[in-house]
């Protein structure tokens, strides 16, 4: 599956990127994620449908302020994990319900309770 973008009100959710237009690696590094293959791995996980992840971004700048991911389990449930840069917890408070709805409606998964 290709990555799906989600509009979560004041926040925009998109696939992680590291290209000539948008580079999420500095924001990832600010959260301690320095693996050079991290963005590539997340893209591969979408294709394999083994984990779905989104960069939670400022809609006007596309700057990553948080990441949220859904990891499906064989029993039809899913784990939702997230992190936010300091001062951006509210982005996850808005993004998580949208991602839960996507996991349930589009993927047919039952996310763990919040």
N, C-alpha and C. Protein backbone atom coordinates (compact mmCIF):
# COMPACT_ATOMS: atom_id res chain seq x y z
N UNK A 1 0.84 -1.17 0.00
CA UNK A 1 0.00 0.00 0.00
C UNK A 1 0.88 1.23 0.00
N UNK A 2 0.46 2.24 -0.73
CA UNK A 2 1.16 3.51 -0.70
C UNK A 2 0.68 4.32 0.50
N UNK A 3 1.53 5.19 0.99
CA UNK A 3 1.18 6.01 2.14
C UNK A 3 -0.04 6.87 1.84
N UNK A 4 -0.90 7.00 2.81
CA UNK A 4 -2.13 7.78 2.71
C UNK A 4 -1.97 9.03 3.57
N UNK A 5 -2.32 10.17 3.01
CA UNK A 5 -2.29 11.43 3.76
C UNK A 5 -3.61 11.60 4.50
N UNK A 6 -3.55 12.24 5.67
CA UNK A 6 -4.73 12.47 6.48
C UNK A 6 -4.76 13.95 6.87
N UNK A 7 -5.92 14.56 6.71
CA UNK A 7 -6.12 15.93 7.19
C UNK A 7 -6.77 15.81 8.56
N UNK A 8 -6.07 16.24 9.59
CA UNK A 8 -6.57 16.15 10.96
C UNK A 8 -6.83 17.55 11.50
N UNK A 9 -7.70 18.28 10.84
CA UNK A 9 -8.02 19.62 11.29
C UNK A 9 -6.84 20.57 11.12
N UNK A 10 -6.30 21.02 12.25
CA UNK A 10 -5.19 21.97 12.22
C UNK A 10 -3.86 21.32 11.86
N UNK A 11 -3.83 20.01 11.74
CA UNK A 11 -2.58 19.29 11.47
C UNK A 11 -2.72 18.45 10.22
N UNK A 12 -1.61 18.29 9.52
CA UNK A 12 -1.54 17.54 8.27
C UNK A 12 -0.65 16.33 8.50
N UNK A 13 -1.14 15.15 8.17
CA UNK A 13 -0.39 13.91 8.35
C UNK A 13 0.01 13.38 6.98
N UNK A 14 1.30 13.09 6.84
CA UNK A 14 1.84 12.60 5.58
C UNK A 14 2.94 11.60 5.88
N UNK A 15 3.39 10.91 4.85
CA UNK A 15 4.51 9.98 5.00
C UNK A 15 5.78 10.76 5.36
N UNK A 16 6.66 10.10 6.07
CA UNK A 16 7.98 10.69 6.34
C UNK A 16 8.72 10.88 5.03
N UNK A 17 9.52 11.94 4.96
CA UNK A 17 10.24 12.24 3.72
C UNK A 17 11.66 12.67 4.00
N UNK A 18 12.50 12.39 3.02
CA UNK A 18 13.89 12.87 3.01
C UNK A 18 14.28 13.00 1.54
N UNK A 19 13.84 14.09 0.94
CA UNK A 19 14.12 14.31 -0.48
C UNK A 19 14.47 15.77 -0.71
N UNK A 20 14.53 16.17 -1.97
CA UNK A 20 14.95 17.53 -2.30
C UNK A 20 13.94 18.59 -1.88
N UNK A 21 12.70 18.21 -1.65
CA UNK A 21 11.67 19.19 -1.25
C UNK A 21 11.46 19.25 0.26
N UNK A 22 11.42 18.09 0.90
CA UNK A 22 11.16 18.03 2.35
C UNK A 22 12.12 17.02 2.96
N UNK A 23 12.76 17.43 4.05
CA UNK A 23 13.68 16.53 4.75
C UNK A 23 13.32 16.50 6.23
N UNK A 24 12.75 15.39 6.64
CA UNK A 24 12.32 15.22 8.03
C UNK A 24 13.46 14.82 8.96
N UNK A 25 14.62 14.51 8.42
CA UNK A 25 15.71 14.00 9.26
C UNK A 25 16.15 14.95 10.36
N UNK A 26 16.21 16.27 10.15
CA UNK A 26 16.58 17.14 11.28
C UNK A 26 15.58 17.07 12.44
N UNK A 27 14.29 17.03 12.13
CA UNK A 27 13.28 16.91 13.20
C UNK A 27 13.37 15.55 13.88
N UNK A 28 13.62 14.50 13.10
CA UNK A 28 13.79 13.17 13.69
C UNK A 28 15.00 13.17 14.62
N UNK A 29 16.10 13.78 14.17
CA UNK A 29 17.32 13.84 14.99
C UNK A 29 17.07 14.60 16.28
N UNK A 30 16.22 15.63 16.22
CA UNK A 30 15.89 16.39 17.43
C UNK A 30 15.17 15.52 18.45
N UNK A 31 14.58 14.43 17.98
CA UNK A 31 13.93 13.47 18.89
C UNK A 31 14.83 12.27 19.15
N UNK A 32 16.08 12.32 18.73
CA UNK A 32 17.02 11.23 18.99
C UNK A 32 17.03 10.14 17.95
N UNK A 33 16.31 10.31 16.86
CA UNK A 33 16.26 9.29 15.79
C UNK A 33 17.28 9.70 14.73
N UNK A 34 18.42 9.03 14.73
CA UNK A 34 19.51 9.40 13.82
C UNK A 34 19.85 8.31 12.81
N UNK A 35 19.11 7.21 12.81
CA UNK A 35 19.34 6.13 11.87
C UNK A 35 19.15 6.65 10.45
N UNK A 36 20.18 6.59 9.59
CA UNK A 36 20.06 7.13 8.24
C UNK A 36 19.03 6.40 7.37
N UNK A 37 18.64 5.20 7.76
CA UNK A 37 17.67 4.41 6.99
C UNK A 37 16.25 4.50 7.55
N UNK A 38 16.05 5.32 8.55
CA UNK A 38 14.74 5.39 9.23
C UNK A 38 13.60 5.73 8.27
N UNK A 39 13.76 6.77 7.47
CA UNK A 39 12.70 7.19 6.55
C UNK A 39 12.47 6.11 5.49
N UNK A 40 13.53 5.53 4.97
CA UNK A 40 13.41 4.46 3.97
C UNK A 40 12.68 3.26 4.57
N UNK A 41 13.03 2.91 5.80
CA UNK A 41 12.38 1.78 6.47
C UNK A 41 10.88 2.03 6.64
N UNK A 42 10.51 3.24 7.03
CA UNK A 42 9.09 3.57 7.19
C UNK A 42 8.35 3.44 5.85
N UNK A 43 8.97 3.87 4.75
CA UNK A 43 8.36 3.76 3.42
C UNK A 43 8.17 2.27 3.06
N UNK A 44 9.19 1.47 3.34
CA UNK A 44 9.11 0.03 3.06
C UNK A 44 8.01 -0.62 3.89
N UNK A 45 7.87 -0.21 5.14
CA UNK A 45 6.83 -0.78 6.00
C UNK A 45 5.43 -0.47 5.47
N UNK A 46 5.23 0.71 4.89
CA UNK A 46 3.95 1.00 4.25
C UNK A 46 3.71 0.00 3.12
N UNK A 47 4.71 -0.19 2.26
CA UNK A 47 4.57 -1.08 1.11
C UNK A 47 4.28 -2.51 1.56
N UNK A 48 4.89 -2.94 2.65
CA UNK A 48 4.69 -4.30 3.17
C UNK A 48 3.45 -4.40 4.05
N UNK A 49 2.87 -3.25 4.39
CA UNK A 49 1.71 -3.17 5.29
C UNK A 49 2.02 -3.76 6.66
N UNK A 50 3.28 -3.58 7.08
CA UNK A 50 3.69 -4.08 8.40
C UNK A 50 3.66 -2.98 9.46
N UNK A 51 3.68 -1.73 9.03
CA UNK A 51 3.55 -0.58 9.94
C UNK A 51 3.19 0.63 9.10
N UNK A 52 2.26 1.41 9.60
CA UNK A 52 1.82 2.61 8.91
C UNK A 52 2.20 3.79 9.79
N UNK A 53 2.94 4.74 9.24
CA UNK A 53 3.39 5.86 10.06
C UNK A 53 3.16 7.18 9.34
N UNK A 54 2.98 8.21 10.14
CA UNK A 54 2.73 9.54 9.60
C UNK A 54 3.59 10.56 10.31
N UNK A 55 4.08 11.51 9.53
CA UNK A 55 4.68 12.72 10.08
C UNK A 55 3.51 13.66 10.35
N UNK A 56 3.39 14.12 11.58
CA UNK A 56 2.36 15.10 11.92
C UNK A 56 3.02 16.46 11.70
N UNK A 57 2.42 17.25 10.80
CA UNK A 57 3.10 18.45 10.31
C UNK A 57 2.27 19.71 10.46
N UNK A 58 3.01 20.80 10.58
CA UNK A 58 2.40 22.12 10.47
C UNK A 58 1.87 22.23 9.04
N UNK A 59 0.60 22.57 8.85
CA UNK A 59 0.06 22.57 7.49
C UNK A 59 0.64 23.64 6.57
N UNK A 60 1.12 24.74 7.11
CA UNK A 60 1.64 25.80 6.24
C UNK A 60 3.09 25.59 5.85
N UNK A 61 3.86 24.90 6.67
CA UNK A 61 5.29 24.70 6.38
C UNK A 61 5.64 23.25 6.07
N UNK A 62 4.76 22.32 6.38
CA UNK A 62 5.00 20.87 6.24
C UNK A 62 6.10 20.38 7.18
N UNK A 63 6.44 21.19 8.19
CA UNK A 63 7.48 20.81 9.15
C UNK A 63 6.96 19.74 10.12
N UNK A 64 7.72 18.66 10.24
CA UNK A 64 7.38 17.57 11.14
C UNK A 64 7.51 18.04 12.59
N UNK A 65 6.45 17.82 13.38
CA UNK A 65 6.50 18.14 14.81
C UNK A 65 6.24 16.90 15.66
N UNK A 66 5.77 15.81 15.03
CA UNK A 66 5.47 14.58 15.75
C UNK A 66 5.39 13.44 14.74
N UNK A 67 5.38 12.23 15.26
CA UNK A 67 5.19 11.04 14.42
C UNK A 67 4.21 10.12 15.14
N UNK A 68 3.36 9.51 14.35
CA UNK A 68 2.41 8.53 14.90
C UNK A 68 2.41 7.32 13.99
N UNK A 69 2.34 6.14 14.58
CA UNK A 69 2.38 4.92 13.79
C UNK A 69 1.40 3.88 14.28
N UNK A 70 0.97 3.04 13.35
CA UNK A 70 0.05 1.94 13.63
C UNK A 70 0.75 0.65 13.21
N UNK A 71 0.88 -0.27 14.16
CA UNK A 71 1.47 -1.57 13.86
C UNK A 71 0.37 -2.63 13.99
N UNK A 72 -0.03 -3.24 12.86
CA UNK A 72 -1.07 -4.26 12.92
C UNK A 72 -0.56 -5.56 13.53
N UNK A 73 -1.47 -6.25 14.17
CA UNK A 73 -1.18 -7.58 14.71
C UNK A 73 -2.00 -8.61 13.94
N UNK A 74 -1.59 -9.84 14.01
CA UNK A 74 -2.27 -10.91 13.27
C UNK A 74 -3.71 -11.13 13.72
N UNK A 75 -4.02 -10.74 14.95
CA UNK A 75 -5.38 -10.96 15.46
C UNK A 75 -6.35 -9.84 15.10
N UNK A 76 -5.91 -8.88 14.26
CA UNK A 76 -6.77 -7.80 13.83
C UNK A 76 -6.74 -6.59 14.74
N UNK A 77 -5.93 -6.62 15.77
CA UNK A 77 -5.76 -5.45 16.63
C UNK A 77 -4.56 -4.66 16.13
N UNK A 78 -4.32 -3.52 16.74
CA UNK A 78 -3.18 -2.69 16.33
C UNK A 78 -2.67 -1.89 17.50
N UNK A 79 -1.37 -1.70 17.52
CA UNK A 79 -0.72 -0.85 18.50
C UNK A 79 -0.50 0.52 17.87
N UNK A 80 -0.80 1.57 18.59
CA UNK A 80 -0.54 2.93 18.13
C UNK A 80 0.54 3.53 19.02
N UNK A 81 1.60 3.99 18.36
CA UNK A 81 2.73 4.60 19.06
C UNK A 81 2.94 6.00 18.51
N UNK A 82 3.40 6.89 19.37
CA UNK A 82 3.63 8.26 18.91
C UNK A 82 4.65 8.97 19.78
N UNK A 83 5.18 10.05 19.24
CA UNK A 83 6.07 10.95 19.98
C UNK A 83 5.90 12.34 19.37
N UNK A 84 6.23 13.33 20.15
CA UNK A 84 6.15 14.71 19.68
C UNK A 84 7.38 15.47 20.15
N UNK A 85 7.78 16.44 19.35
CA UNK A 85 8.85 17.34 19.77
C UNK A 85 8.32 18.18 20.94
N UNK A 86 9.22 18.65 21.80
CA UNK A 86 8.77 19.47 22.93
C UNK A 86 7.87 20.62 22.49
N UNK A 87 6.78 20.80 23.22
CA UNK A 87 5.84 21.87 22.92
C UNK A 87 4.80 21.54 21.87
N UNK A 88 4.77 20.29 21.38
CA UNK A 88 3.84 19.92 20.31
C UNK A 88 2.95 18.74 20.66
N UNK A 89 2.72 18.50 21.92
CA UNK A 89 1.85 17.39 22.33
C UNK A 89 0.44 17.56 21.76
N UNK A 90 -0.02 18.80 21.63
CA UNK A 90 -1.37 19.04 21.13
C UNK A 90 -1.55 18.50 19.71
N UNK A 91 -0.46 18.43 18.94
CA UNK A 91 -0.55 17.87 17.59
C UNK A 91 -0.97 16.41 17.66
N UNK A 92 -0.44 15.67 18.60
CA UNK A 92 -0.82 14.27 18.75
C UNK A 92 -2.23 14.12 19.30
N UNK A 93 -2.63 15.05 20.17
CA UNK A 93 -3.99 14.99 20.71
C UNK A 93 -5.03 15.11 19.61
N UNK A 94 -4.70 15.84 18.55
CA UNK A 94 -5.61 15.98 17.41
C UNK A 94 -5.41 14.84 16.41
N UNK A 95 -4.16 14.46 16.16
CA UNK A 95 -3.84 13.46 15.13
C UNK A 95 -4.27 12.05 15.53
N UNK A 96 -4.12 11.69 16.79
CA UNK A 96 -4.38 10.30 17.17
C UNK A 96 -5.81 9.85 16.89
N UNK A 97 -6.85 10.63 17.21
CA UNK A 97 -8.19 10.16 16.85
C UNK A 97 -8.38 9.96 15.34
N UNK A 98 -7.78 10.82 14.53
CA UNK A 98 -7.88 10.67 13.08
C UNK A 98 -7.19 9.38 12.62
N UNK A 99 -6.04 9.08 13.20
CA UNK A 99 -5.32 7.85 12.84
C UNK A 99 -6.10 6.63 13.33
N UNK A 100 -6.69 6.70 14.51
CA UNK A 100 -7.52 5.59 15.00
C UNK A 100 -8.69 5.32 14.05
N UNK A 101 -9.35 6.40 13.58
CA UNK A 101 -10.45 6.23 12.64
C UNK A 101 -9.97 5.59 11.33
N UNK A 102 -8.79 6.01 10.85
CA UNK A 102 -8.23 5.43 9.64
C UNK A 102 -7.93 3.94 9.87
N UNK A 103 -7.32 3.61 11.00
CA UNK A 103 -6.98 2.21 11.29
C UNK A 103 -8.24 1.34 11.32
N UNK A 104 -9.29 1.86 11.92
CA UNK A 104 -10.53 1.10 12.01
C UNK A 104 -11.26 1.04 10.67
N UNK A 105 -11.48 2.19 10.06
CA UNK A 105 -12.29 2.25 8.85
C UNK A 105 -11.59 1.76 7.60
N UNK A 106 -10.38 2.21 7.36
CA UNK A 106 -9.67 1.87 6.12
C UNK A 106 -8.91 0.56 6.22
N UNK A 107 -8.37 0.27 7.40
CA UNK A 107 -7.54 -0.93 7.55
C UNK A 107 -8.26 -2.09 8.22
N UNK A 108 -9.41 -1.82 8.81
CA UNK A 108 -10.18 -2.88 9.47
C UNK A 108 -9.53 -3.39 10.75
N UNK A 109 -8.73 -2.55 11.40
CA UNK A 109 -8.03 -2.94 12.62
C UNK A 109 -8.76 -2.40 13.84
N UNK A 110 -8.52 -3.03 14.97
CA UNK A 110 -9.05 -2.57 16.25
C UNK A 110 -7.87 -2.06 17.09
N UNK A 111 -7.67 -0.73 17.12
CA UNK A 111 -6.55 -0.19 17.91
C UNK A 111 -6.72 -0.47 19.38
N UNK A 112 -5.59 -0.66 20.07
CA UNK A 112 -5.61 -0.78 21.52
C UNK A 112 -6.31 0.45 22.09
N UNK A 113 -6.96 0.30 23.25
CA UNK A 113 -7.59 1.48 23.87
C UNK A 113 -6.56 2.57 24.15
N UNK A 114 -7.04 3.79 24.05
CA UNK A 114 -6.16 4.95 24.28
C UNK A 114 -5.74 5.04 25.73
